[in-house]
Amino acid sequence: MRDYYETGQAGAVGPQSIAIGQQFTQIWNRHAAQIDLDELAQEIRKVRDKGRTSVNGEPEEDVALAELANAELAAKHGDGPRAFSHLARAGQWALGIASAIGLPVAIKAIEAALGG
């Protein structure tokens, strides 16, 4: 019997597979026409600002804030794939903040980056 894998975006699949330092652009390419990077950068800034005031001191929150800063910089430099990569690592915490304050571009981008 052979192994069978059904995946979406993947860098390595199967026993003993490894992928290091890959940059995935497929997710960005699906959403690029609907996401204005300048607007995204502005909304990420608002998420970071709100996030700083709502942290509980958990290290995961600090990591998410740093990822948001990196996503903002990537968006400002026109690098959508890198912005999405950082947004994915900012995770559900960042999505919750963006949703709470009603930032539609950030919500769409974070959801897409998280695979939604």
Foldseek 3Di string as FASTA:
>chain_A
DDDDDDDDDDDFDDPPTDDPPDFDCPLVVVCVVPAQLVLLLVLLVVLLVVLVVPDPPDVLSVLLSVLSVQLSVCSVVVNLSSNLLSLLSNPPVSLVSCVVVPRVNNNVSSCSSVPD
